[in-house]
Amino acid sequence: MLGRISERLQVIIEIPSYSPAIQYEVDNKSGALFVKRFLETSMHFPCDYGYIPQTASTLHDFLRAIAITPIPVMRHCLIHCRVIGMLEINHRDSIENKIVVVPIDELTERYDDVHTIKDLPLSLLNKIAHFFMHYQNIELRHPVVMTTWHDKKAATAELKACMKRYEENIKELAIA
């Protein structure tokens, strides 16, 4: 089952890569896309950013996904992806995990040889890490610390745990 989860996963995009400095988020109850904040830094998301439906992170929110795509994907669009790793971030003294995904092979051949985050260019990984460490610096007035990149196995285990948490707490979470 773990293999199937990591080989074909639905991700809903909230923020296309290189879009204006606005952070959008889907409301768990209504499903509406709303403006979460206007970023005070002059930065843009380096990759498509969204969430994995029917998951619940430890923060009682959807599990977030960083989607590496060849061009930006429209907001609220569902894209089929496969897991290649995970970014773990220490944010306000809590851990946030973000699953790193690429489109499935049927959508593009560009990522046929990408099976783990180690297959991505170091410059892209550095750009992603830099963004998540600094995009909220002005608002938070304290650093966000990226703790580590994790492999596909750890990412799949986190995904499975978040799917299980969703199933166990679906009524309390009120996540659509």
Protein backbone atom coordinates (compact mmCIF):
# COMPACT_ATOMS: atom_id res chain seq x y z
CA MET A 1 0.00 0.00 0.00
CA LEU A 2 2.83 2.45 0.76
CA GLY A 3 4.14 2.10 -2.78
CA ARG A 4 0.74 2.89 -4.29
CA ILE A 5 0.32 5.96 -2.09
CA SER A 6 3.63 7.42 -3.15
CA GLU A 7 3.21 6.61 -6.87
CA ARG A 8 -0.13 8.35 -7.55
CA LEU A 9 -1.21 11.09 -5.22
CA GLN A 10 -3.68 13.93 -5.67
CA VAL A 11 -2.40 17.42 -4.86
CA ILE A 12 -4.56 20.53 -5.03
CA ILE A 13 -2.59 23.66 -5.90
CA GLU A 14 -3.27 26.77 -3.84
CA ILE A 15 -0.34 28.91 -5.00
CA PRO A 16 1.22 28.60 -8.46
CA SER A 17 4.97 29.05 -8.70
CA TYR A 18 6.18 32.60 -9.39
CA SER A 19 2.78 34.14 -8.66
CA PRO A 20 2.53 37.51 -6.82
CA ALA A 21 3.49 37.69 -3.14
CA ILE A 22 0.13 36.53 -1.81
CA GLN A 23 -0.36 33.38 0.24
CA TYR A 24 -3.66 31.64 -0.47
CA GLU A 25 -5.19 28.82 1.54
CA VAL A 26 -8.28 26.65 1.15
CA ASP A 27 -10.76 26.92 4.01
CA ASN A 28 -11.20 23.45 5.51
CA LYS A 29 -14.96 23.76 6.04
CA SER A 30 -16.21 25.64 2.97
CA GLY A 31 -13.56 24.64 0.44
CA ALA A 32 -13.23 28.30 -0.58
CA LEU A 33 -9.84 29.66 -1.55
CA PHE A 34 -9.04 32.76 0.51
CA VAL A 35 -6.17 35.19 0.95
CA LYS A 36 -4.22 34.10 4.02
CA ARG A 37 -1.72 36.97 3.91
CA PHE A 38 0.07 39.43 1.70
CA LEU A 39 3.75 38.59 1.97
CA GLU A 40 5.82 41.49 3.26
CA THR A 41 9.00 40.12 1.71
CA SER A 42 9.64 40.63 -1.98
CA MET A 43 9.64 36.91 -2.67
CA HIS A 44 7.51 34.49 -4.66
CA PHE A 45 6.88 30.78 -4.16
CA PRO A 46 9.61 28.93 -6.12
CA CYS A 47 7.34 25.94 -6.84
CA ASP A 48 3.66 25.18 -6.96
CA TYR A 49 2.33 24.86 -3.41
CA GLY A 50 -0.78 23.15 -2.21
CA TYR A 51 -2.21 20.39 -0.09
CA ILE A 52 -3.04 16.71 -0.14
CA PRO A 53 -6.79 16.10 0.32
CA GLN A 54 -8.02 13.71 3.01
CA THR A 55 -4.97 14.24 5.21
CA ALA A 56 -4.54 15.92 8.58
CA SER A 57 -1.17 17.18 9.73
CA THR A 58 -0.24 17.44 13.39
CA LEU A 59 -1.28 21.10 13.10
CA HIS A 60 -4.86 19.94 12.28
CA ASP A 61 -4.58 21.22 8.76
CA PHE A 62 -4.11 19.46 5.44
CA LEU A 63 -0.65 18.04 4.79
CA ARG A 64 1.12 20.56 2.55
CA ALA A 65 2.84 19.70 -0.74
CA ILE A 66 5.60 21.35 -2.72
CA ALA A 67 5.02 20.41 -6.36
CA ILE A 68 7.93 20.60 -8.76
CA THR A 69 6.27 21.23 -12.14
CA PRO A 70 7.59 22.43 -15.51
CA ILE A 71 5.20 25.41 -15.58
CA PRO A 72 2.89 26.97 -12.93
CA VAL A 73 -0.38 25.11 -12.32
CA MET A 74 -3.60 27.09 -11.97
CA ARG A 75 -5.04 27.68 -8.47
CA HIS A 76 -7.55 25.10 -7.21
CA CYS A 77 -6.42 22.61 -9.86
CA LEU A 78 -5.90 18.97 -8.91
CA ILE A 79 -2.70 17.40 -10.23
CA HIS A 80 -1.66 13.75 -9.99
CA CYS A 81 1.83 13.46 -8.54
CA ARG A 82 4.26 11.05 -6.98
CA VAL A 83 6.23 11.53 -3.79
CA ILE A 84 10.00 12.06 -3.95
CA GLY A 85 10.79 13.39 -0.45
CA MET A 86 9.88 15.78 2.33
CA LEU A 87 11.00 19.11 3.74
CA GLU A 88 10.82 19.39 7.54
CA ILE A 89 10.60 22.95 8.89
CA ASN A 90 10.71 24.27 12.45
CA HIS A 91 8.13 27.06 12.44
CA ARG A 92 7.15 28.82 15.66
CA ASP A 93 8.58 25.93 17.69
CA SER A 94 6.46 23.38 15.89
CA ILE A 95 7.43 21.04 13.09
CA GLU A 96 5.79 21.44 9.69
CA ASN A 97 6.34 18.75 7.10
CA LYS A 98 5.88 19.49 3.43
CA ILE A 99 5.77 16.57 1.00
CA VAL A 100 7.81 17.13 -2.17
CA VAL A 101 6.17 15.75 -5.32
CA VAL A 102 6.57 15.70 -9.09
CA PRO A 103 3.88 15.08 -11.75
CA ILE A 104 3.21 11.45 -12.62
CA ASP A 105 4.93 10.12 -15.76
CA GLU A 106 1.69 10.25 -17.81
CA LEU A 107 1.63 14.06 -17.49
CA THR A 108 5.24 14.70 -18.53
CA GLU A 109 8.41 12.76 -19.21
CA ARG A 110 10.49 15.54 -17.66
CA TYR A 111 10.65 13.82 -14.25
CA ASP A 112 11.05 10.20 -15.39
CA ASP A 113 14.50 10.05 -13.78
CA VAL A 114 13.49 11.91 -10.61
CA HIS A 115 12.74 9.39 -7.87
CA THR A 116 14.09 11.17 -4.79
CA ILE A 117 14.92 14.76 -3.86
CA LYS A 118 18.59 13.88 -4.45
CA ASP A 119 17.70 13.68 -8.16
CA LEU A 120 16.75 17.39 -8.18
CA PRO A 121 19.35 20.09 -8.83
CA LEU A 122 20.99 21.36 -5.63
CA SER A 123 20.27 24.93 -6.77
CA LEU A 124 16.51 24.18 -6.76
CA LEU A 125 16.65 22.56 -3.31
CA ASN A 126 18.58 25.59 -2.00
CA LYS A 127 16.03 27.96 -3.54
CA ILE A 128 13.13 26.09 -1.92
CA ALA A 129 14.87 25.94 1.48
CA HIS A 130 15.78 29.63 1.31
CA PHE A 131 12.22 30.61 0.47
CA PHE A 132 10.64 28.70 3.37
CA MET A 133 13.26 29.97 5.80
CA HIS A 134 12.78 33.64 4.86
CA TYR A 135 9.41 34.40 3.28
CA GLN A 136 7.81 35.27 6.64
CA ASN A 137 10.82 37.00 8.26
CA ILE A 138 9.26 40.46 8.36
CA GLU A 139 5.91 39.33 9.77
CA LEU A 140 7.26 36.84 12.31
CA ARG A 141 10.33 38.81 13.41
CA HIS A 142 12.12 35.56 14.19
CA PRO A 143 13.81 33.03 11.94
CA VAL A 144 12.14 29.99 10.54
CA VAL A 145 14.62 27.12 10.63
CA MET A 146 14.61 24.36 8.07
CA THR A 147 15.73 21.30 9.94
CA THR A 148 16.25 18.78 7.16
CA TRP A 149 15.29 17.17 3.89
CA HIS A 150 13.92 13.63 4.19
CA ASP A 151 13.84 10.79 1.69
CA LYS A 152 10.83 9.22 -0.02
CA LYS A 153 10.44 6.55 2.67
CA ALA A 154 10.09 9.16 5.45
CA ALA A 155 7.75 11.24 3.28
CA THR A 156 5.54 8.23 2.56
CA ALA A 157 5.42 7.36 6.28
CA GLU A 158 4.35 10.96 7.09
CA LEU A 159 1.72 10.84 4.36
CA LYS A 160 0.35 7.54 5.68
CA ALA A 161 0.23 8.94 9.25
CA CYS A 162 -1.63 12.05 8.05
CA MET A 163 -4.13 9.94 6.10
CA LYS A 164 -4.74 7.80 9.17
CA ARG A 165 -5.13 10.90 11.39
CA TYR A 166 -7.69 12.27 8.93
CA GLU A 167 -9.70 9.03 8.99
CA GLU A 168 -9.62 8.82 12.80
CA ASN A 169 -10.56 12.47 13.36
CA ILE A 170 -12.65 13.38 10.32
CA LYS A 171 -15.61 14.69 12.36
CA GLU A 172 -13.53 16.72 14.82
CA LEU A 173 -11.29 18.18 12.12
CA ALA A 174 -14.17 19.28 9.90
CA ILE A 175 -11.88 19.01 6.88
CA ALA A 176 -13.76 18.57 3.64
